[in-house]
Amino acid sequence: TSVQISILPYSLNDEYDDGLYASFWLDRFWQLKNWQFNAALGLTYRSAEIIDHYYGIPKGQEIEGLD
């Protein structure tokens, strides 16, 4: 079994400096005779500043009439 926890509250990038990234992953492996089974479960959080940086429309390129 392995557990990974990441929390990144600070970035050197000025465009999303106030952003927050966090993740939690849990992995488990089982051996049953010649069979190996594994399962993974994970959660990831990205704040609005990070989402806007990667998927948002840059300022000045907005489409008029859409709010």
PDB file of N, CA and C in Angstrom:
ATOM      1  N   THR A   1       0.849  -1.174   0.000  1.00  0.00           N
ATOM      2  CA  THR A   1       0.000   0.000   0.000  1.00  0.00           C
ATOM      3  C   THR A   1       0.891   1.232   0.000  1.00  0.00           C
ATOM      4  N   SER A   2       0.527   2.211  -0.795  1.00  0.00           N
ATOM      5  CA  SER A   2       1.262   3.477  -0.778  1.00  0.00           C
ATOM      6  C   SER A   2       0.281   4.641  -0.760  1.00  0.00           C
ATOM      7  N   VAL A   3       0.708   5.716  -0.109  1.00  0.00           N
ATOM      8  CA  VAL A   3      -0.096   6.927   0.017  1.00  0.00           C
ATOM      9  C   VAL A   3       0.761   8.097  -0.431  1.00  0.00           C
ATOM     10  N   GLN A   4       0.192   8.951  -1.259  1.00  0.00           N
ATOM     11  CA  GLN A   4       0.895  10.154  -1.699  1.00  0.00           C
ATOM     12  C   GLN A   4      -0.003  11.362  -1.454  1.00  0.00           C
ATOM     13  N   ILE A   5       0.523  12.360  -0.768  1.00  0.00           N
ATOM     14  CA  ILE A   5      -0.210  13.593  -0.503  1.00  0.00           C
ATOM     15  C   ILE A   5       0.662  14.757  -0.970  1.00  0.00           C
ATOM     16  N   SER A   6       0.099  15.626  -1.797  1.00  0.00           N
ATOM     17  CA  SER A   6       0.817  16.803  -2.292  1.00  0.00           C
ATOM     18  C   SER A   6      -0.035  18.039  -2.072  1.00  0.00           C
ATOM     19  N   ILE A   7       0.555  19.063  -1.500  1.00  0.00           N
ATOM     20  CA  ILE A   7      -0.109  20.354  -1.352  1.00  0.00           C
ATOM     21  C   ILE A   7       0.885  21.411  -1.795  1.00  0.00           C
ATOM     22  N   LEU A   8       0.513  22.173  -2.826  1.00  0.00           N
ATOM     23  CA  LEU A   8       1.394  23.185  -3.383  1.00  0.00           C
ATOM     24  C   LEU A   8       0.703  24.544  -3.298  1.00  0.00           C
ATOM     25  N   PRO A   9       0.954  25.298  -2.230  1.00  0.00           N
ATOM     26  CA  PRO A   9       0.249  26.570  -2.038  1.00  0.00           C
ATOM     27  C   PRO A   9       0.939  27.769  -2.668  1.00  0.00           C
ATOM     28  N   TYR A  10       2.112  27.577  -3.260  1.00  0.00           N
ATOM     29  CA  TYR A  10       2.861  28.729  -3.766  1.00  0.00           C
ATOM     30  C   TYR A  10       3.476  28.390  -5.111  1.00  0.00           C
ATOM     31  N   SER A  11       3.488  29.354  -6.007  1.00  0.00           N
ATOM     32  CA  SER A  11       4.079  29.167  -7.324  1.00  0.00           C
ATOM     33  C   SER A  11       4.952  30.368  -7.657  1.00  0.00           C
ATOM     34  N   LEU A  12       5.995  30.142  -8.419  1.00  0.00           N
ATOM     35  CA  LEU A  12       6.849  31.233  -8.874  1.00  0.00           C
ATOM     36  C   LEU A  12       6.278  31.915 -10.114  1.00  0.00           C
ATOM     37  N   ASN A  13       5.173  31.388 -10.655  1.00  0.00           N
ATOM     38  CA  ASN A  13       4.521  31.959 -11.826  1.00  0.00           C
ATOM     39  C   ASN A  13       3.579  33.079 -11.367  1.00  0.00           C
ATOM     40  N   ASP A  14       3.800  34.314 -11.843  1.00  0.00           N
ATOM     41  CA  ASP A  14       2.978  35.447 -11.419  1.00  0.00           C
ATOM     42  C   ASP A  14       1.528  35.347 -11.899  1.00  0.00           C
ATOM     43  N   GLU A  15       1.257  34.576 -12.955  1.00  0.00           N
ATOM     44  CA  GLU A  15      -0.099  34.513 -13.507  1.00  0.00           C
ATOM     45  C   GLU A  15      -1.059  33.734 -12.618  1.00  0.00           C
ATOM     46  N   TYR A  16      -0.565  32.782 -11.846  1.00  0.00           N
ATOM     47  CA  TYR A  16      -1.446  32.079 -10.912  1.00  0.00           C
ATOM     48  C   TYR A  16      -0.754  31.886  -9.562  1.00  0.00           C
ATOM     49  N   ASP A  17      -0.132  32.955  -9.091  1.00  0.00           N
ATOM     50  CA  ASP A  17       0.598  32.914  -7.830  1.00  0.00           C
ATOM     51  C   ASP A  17      -0.313  32.626  -6.640  1.00  0.00           C
ATOM     52  N   ASP A  18      -1.577  33.036  -6.704  1.00  0.00           N
ATOM     53  CA  ASP A  18      -2.511  32.783  -5.602  1.00  0.00           C
ATOM     54  C   ASP A  18      -3.188  31.425  -5.730  1.00  0.00           C
ATOM     55  N   GLY A  19      -2.796  30.617  -6.698  1.00  0.00           N
ATOM     56  CA  GLY A  19      -3.438  29.327  -6.935  1.00  0.00           C
ATOM     57  C   GLY A  19      -3.018  28.276  -5.917  1.00  0.00           C
ATOM     58  N   LEU A  20      -3.831  27.239  -5.813  1.00  0.00           N
ATOM     59  CA  LEU A  20      -3.565  26.136  -4.902  1.00  0.00           C
ATOM     60  C   LEU A  20      -3.780  24.824  -5.648  1.00  0.00           C
ATOM     61  N   TYR A  21      -2.832  23.911  -5.519  1.00  0.00           N
ATOM     62  CA  TYR A  21      -2.949  22.571  -6.079  1.00  0.00           C
ATOM     63  C   TYR A  21      -2.782  21.582  -4.937  1.00  0.00           C
ATOM     64  N   ALA A  22      -3.667  20.604  -4.870  1.00  0.00           N
ATOM     65  CA  ALA A  22      -3.572  19.572  -3.840  1.00  0.00           C
ATOM     66  C   ALA A  22      -4.003  18.238  -4.445  1.00  0.00           C
ATOM     67  N   SER A  23      -3.353  17.167  -4.010  1.00  0.00           N
ATOM     68  CA  SER A  23      -3.747  15.838  -4.482  1.00  0.00           C
ATOM     69  C   SER A  23      -3.526  14.803  -3.390  1.00  0.00           C
ATOM     70  N   PHE A  24      -4.306  13.743  -3.468  1.00  0.00           N
ATOM     71  CA  PHE A  24      -4.220  12.610  -2.547  1.00  0.00           C
ATOM     72  C   PHE A  24      -4.393  11.345  -3.371  1.00  0.00           C
ATOM     73  N   TRP A  25      -3.449  10.409  -3.268  1.00  0.00           N
ATOM     74  CA  TRP A  25      -3.515   9.149  -4.002  1.00  0.00           C
ATOM     75  C   TRP A  25      -3.272   7.993  -3.039  1.00  0.00           C
ATOM     76  N   LEU A  26      -4.033   6.940  -3.236  1.00  0.00           N
ATOM     77  CA  LEU A  26      -3.900   5.722  -2.452  1.00  0.00           C
ATOM     78  C   LEU A  26      -3.808   4.550  -3.421  1.00  0.00           C
ATOM     79  N   ASP A  27      -2.740   3.762  -3.328  1.00  0.00           N
ATOM     80  CA  ASP A  27      -2.530   2.589  -4.186  1.00  0.00           C
ATOM     81  C   ASP A  27      -2.462   1.347  -3.321  1.00  0.00           C
ATOM     82  N   ARG A  28      -2.978   0.255  -3.848  1.00  0.00           N
ATOM     83  CA  ARG A  28      -2.949  -1.014  -3.114  1.00  0.00           C
ATOM     84  C   ARG A  28      -2.679  -2.141  -4.101  1.00  0.00           C
ATOM     85  N   PHE A  29      -1.793  -3.061  -3.731  1.00  0.00           N
ATOM     86  CA  PHE A  29      -1.455  -4.223  -4.553  1.00  0.00           C
ATOM     87  C   PHE A  29      -1.736  -5.499  -3.773  1.00  0.00           C
ATOM     88  N   TRP A  30      -2.270  -6.504  -4.471  1.00  0.00           N
ATOM     89  CA  TRP A  30      -2.537  -7.816  -3.881  1.00  0.00           C
ATOM     90  C   TRP A  30      -1.929  -8.897  -4.756  1.00  0.00           C
ATOM     91  N   GLN A  31      -1.431  -9.938  -4.140  1.00  0.00           N
ATOM     92  CA  GLN A  31      -0.918 -11.101  -4.863  1.00  0.00           C
ATOM     93  C   GLN A  31      -1.756 -12.297  -4.452  1.00  0.00           C
ATOM     94  N   LEU A  32      -2.339 -12.985  -5.424  1.00  0.00           N
ATOM     95  CA  LEU A  32      -3.119 -14.182  -5.169  1.00  0.00           C
ATOM     96  C   LEU A  32      -2.609 -15.259  -6.118  1.00  0.00           C
ATOM     97  N   LYS A  33      -1.816 -16.154  -5.587  1.00  0.00           N
ATOM     98  CA  LYS A  33      -1.127 -17.182  -6.385  1.00  0.00           C
ATOM     99  C   LYS A  33      -0.340 -16.512  -7.506  1.00  0.00           C
ATOM    100  N   ASN A  34      -0.655 -16.792  -8.763  1.00  0.00           N
ATOM    101  CA  ASN A  34       0.076 -16.172  -9.873  1.00  0.00           C
ATOM    102  C   ASN A  34      -0.578 -14.889 -10.373  1.00  0.00           C
ATOM    103  N   TRP A  35      -1.590 -14.421  -9.696  1.00  0.00           N
ATOM    104  CA  TRP A  35      -2.300 -13.227 -10.130  1.00  0.00           C
ATOM    105  C   TRP A  35      -1.898 -12.040  -9.251  1.00  0.00           C
ATOM    106  N   GLN A  36      -1.694 -10.924  -9.900  1.00  0.00           N
ATOM    107  CA  GLN A  36      -1.420  -9.698  -9.152  1.00  0.00           C
ATOM    108  C   GLN A  36      -2.517  -8.697  -9.482  1.00  0.00           C
ATOM    109  N   PHE A  37      -3.109  -8.121  -8.440  1.00  0.00           N
ATOM    110  CA  PHE A  37      -4.168  -7.145  -8.593  1.00  0.00           C
ATOM    111  C   PHE A  37      -3.689  -5.818  -8.013  1.00  0.00           C
ATOM    112  N   ASN A  38      -4.135  -4.739  -8.620  1.00  0.00           N
ATOM    113  CA  ASN A  38      -3.831  -3.425  -8.047  1.00  0.00           C
ATOM    114  C   ASN A  38      -5.017  -2.501  -8.247  1.00  0.00           C
ATOM    115  N   ALA A  39      -5.108  -1.544  -7.349  1.00  0.00           N
ATOM    116  CA  ALA A  39      -6.182  -0.551  -7.410  1.00  0.00           C
ATOM    117  C   ALA A  39      -5.601   0.784  -6.965  1.00  0.00           C
ATOM    118  N   ALA A  40      -6.120   1.841  -7.546  1.00  0.00           N
ATOM    119  CA  ALA A  40      -5.666   3.193  -7.186  1.00  0.00           C
ATOM    120  C   ALA A  40      -6.884   4.105  -7.096  1.00  0.00           C
ATOM    121  N   LEU A  41      -6.828   4.988  -6.139  1.00  0.00           N
ATOM    122  CA  LEU A  41      -7.880   5.974  -5.944  1.00  0.00           C
ATOM    123  C   LEU A  41      -7.198   7.309  -5.706  1.00  0.00           C
ATOM    124  N   GLY A  42      -7.652   8.331  -6.406  1.00  0.00           N
ATOM    125  CA  GLY A  42      -7.011   9.630  -6.245  1.00  0.00           C
ATOM    126  C   GLY A  42      -7.992  10.777  -6.340  1.00  0.00           C
ATOM    127  N   LEU A  43      -7.638  11.854  -5.670  1.00  0.00           N
ATOM    128  CA  LEU A  43      -8.397  13.098  -5.712  1.00  0.00           C
ATOM    129  C   LEU A  43      -7.424  14.222  -6.035  1.00  0.00           C
ATOM    130  N   THR A  44      -7.845  15.148  -6.881  1.00  0.00           N
ATOM    131  CA  THR A  44      -7.010  16.290  -7.241  1.00  0.00           C
ATOM    132  C   THR A  44      -7.848  17.551  -7.173  1.00  0.00           C
ATOM    133  N   TYR A  45      -7.263  18.610  -6.615  1.00  0.00           N
ATOM    134  CA  TYR A  45      -7.930  19.911  -6.535  1.00  0.00           C
ATOM    135  C   TYR A  45      -7.032  20.958  -7.173  1.00  0.00           C
ATOM    136  N   ARG A  46      -7.602  21.787  -8.047  1.00  0.00           N
ATOM    137  CA  ARG A  46      -6.909  22.939  -8.620  1.00  0.00           C
ATOM    138  C   ARG A  46      -7.810  24.152  -8.419  1.00  0.00           C
ATOM    139  N   SER A  47      -7.260  25.233  -7.888  1.00  0.00           N
ATOM    140  CA  SER A  47      -8.065  26.427  -7.639  1.00  0.00           C
ATOM    141  C   SER A  47      -8.415  27.123  -8.953  1.00  0.00           C
ATOM    142  N   ALA A  48      -9.323  28.078  -8.875  1.00  0.00           N
ATOM    143  CA  ALA A  48      -9.805  28.794 -10.065  1.00  0.00           C
ATOM    144  C   ALA A  48      -8.675  29.516 -10.784  1.00  0.00           C
ATOM    145  N   GLU A  49      -7.682  30.015 -10.057  1.00  0.00           N
ATOM    146  CA  GLU A  49      -6.563  30.722 -10.691  1.00  0.00           C
ATOM    147  C   GLU A  49      -5.767  29.798 -11.612  1.00  0.00           C
ATOM    148  N   ILE A  50      -5.555  28.579 -11.188  1.00  0.00           N
ATOM    149  CA  ILE A  50      -4.820  27.624 -12.017  1.00  0.00           C
ATOM    150  C   ILE A  50      -5.671  27.177 -13.198  1.00  0.00           C
ATOM    151  N   ILE A  51      -6.942  26.892 -12.978  1.00  0.00           N
ATOM    152  CA  ILE A  51      -7.840  26.488 -14.066  1.00  0.00           C
ATOM    153  C   ILE A  51      -7.932  27.597 -15.112  1.00  0.00           C
ATOM    154  N   ASP A  52      -8.108  28.841 -14.676  1.00  0.00           N
ATOM    155  CA  ASP A  52      -8.182  29.960 -15.613  1.00  0.00           C
ATOM    156  C   ASP A  52      -6.890  30.115 -16.399  1.00  0.00           C
ATOM    157  N   HIS A  53      -5.756  29.876 -15.768  1.00  0.00           N
ATOM    158  CA  HIS A  53      -4.467  30.019 -16.460  1.00  0.00           C
ATOM    159  C   HIS A  53      -4.353  29.015 -17.603  1.00  0.00           C
ATOM    160  N   TYR A  54      -4.736  27.755 -17.373  1.00  0.00           N
ATOM    161  CA  TYR A  54      -4.582  26.720 -18.391  1.00  0.00           C
ATOM    162  C   TYR A  54      -5.744  26.643 -19.370  1.00  0.00           C
ATOM    163  N   TYR A  55      -6.977  26.895 -18.913  1.00  0.00           N
ATOM    164  CA  TYR A  55      -8.151  26.673 -19.749  1.00  0.00           C
ATOM    165  C   TYR A  55      -8.965  27.926 -20.026  1.00  0.00           C
ATOM    166  N   GLY A  56      -8.629  29.043 -19.408  1.00  0.00           N
ATOM    167  CA  GLY A  56      -9.389  30.273 -19.582  1.00  0.00           C
ATOM    168  C   GLY A  56      -9.028  31.007 -20.865  1.00  0.00           C
ATOM    169  N   ILE A  57      -9.816  31.992 -21.188  1.00  0.00           N
ATOM    170  CA  ILE A  57      -9.580  32.833 -22.366  1.00  0.00           C
ATOM    171  C   ILE A  57      -8.735  34.029 -21.928  1.00  0.00           C
ATOM    172  N   PRO A  58      -7.602  34.283 -22.595  1.00  0.00           N
ATOM    173  CA  PRO A  58      -6.765  35.413 -22.202  1.00  0.00           C
ATOM    174  C   PRO A  58      -7.510  36.736 -22.298  1.00  0.00           C
ATOM    175  N   LYS A  59      -7.137  37.676 -21.433  1.00  0.00           N
ATOM    176  CA  LYS A  59      -7.776  38.991 -21.465  1.00  0.00           C
ATOM    177  C   LYS A  59      -7.504  39.647 -22.811  1.00  0.00           C
ATOM    178  N   GLY A  60      -8.525  40.288 -23.348  1.00  0.00           N
ATOM    179  CA  GLY A  60      -8.419  40.932 -24.650  1.00  0.00           C
ATOM    180  C   GLY A  60      -8.878  40.028 -25.792  1.00  0.00           C
ATOM    181  N   GLN A  61      -9.117  38.729 -25.502  1.00  0.00           N
ATOM    182  CA  GLN A  61      -9.581  37.801 -26.542  1.00  0.00           C
ATOM    183  C   GLN A  61     -10.988  37.286 -26.262  1.00  0.00           C
ATOM    184  N   GLU A  62     -11.701  37.955 -25.368  1.00  0.00           N
ATOM    185  CA  GLU A  62     -13.054  37.530 -25.047  1.00  0.00           C
ATOM    186  C   GLU A  62     -13.974  37.753 -26.247  1.00  0.00           C
ATOM    187  N   ILE A  63     -15.006  36.958 -26.346  1.00  0.00           N
ATOM    188  CA  ILE A  63     -15.995  37.092 -27.403  1.00  0.00           C
ATOM    189  C   ILE A  63     -17.086  38.017 -26.902  1.00  0.00           C
ATOM    190  N   GLU A  64     -17.364  39.072 -27.643  1.00  0.00           N
ATOM    191  CA  GLU A  64     -18.371  40.028 -27.213  1.00  0.00           C
ATOM    192  C   GLU A  64     -19.744  39.380 -27.255  1.00  0.00           C
ATOM    193  N   GLY A  65     -20.583  39.766 -26.317  1.00  0.00           N
ATOM    194  CA  GLY A  65     -21.949  39.254 -26.256  1.00  0.00           C
ATOM    195  C   GLY A  65     -22.104  38.035 -25.366  1.00  0.00           C
ATOM    196  N   LEU A  66     -20.984  37.424 -24.942  1.00  0.00           N
ATOM    197  CA  LEU A  66     -21.056  36.257 -24.044  1.00  0.00           C
ATOM    198  C   LEU A  66     -20.658  36.696 -22.651  1.00  0.00           C
ATOM    199  N   ASP A  67     -21.469  36.377 -21.681  1.00  0.00           N
ATOM    200  CA  ASP A  67     -21.157  36.753 -20.299  1.00  0.00           C
ATOM    201  C   ASP A  67     -20.824  35.530 -19.496  1.00  0.00           C
TER     202      ASP A  67
END
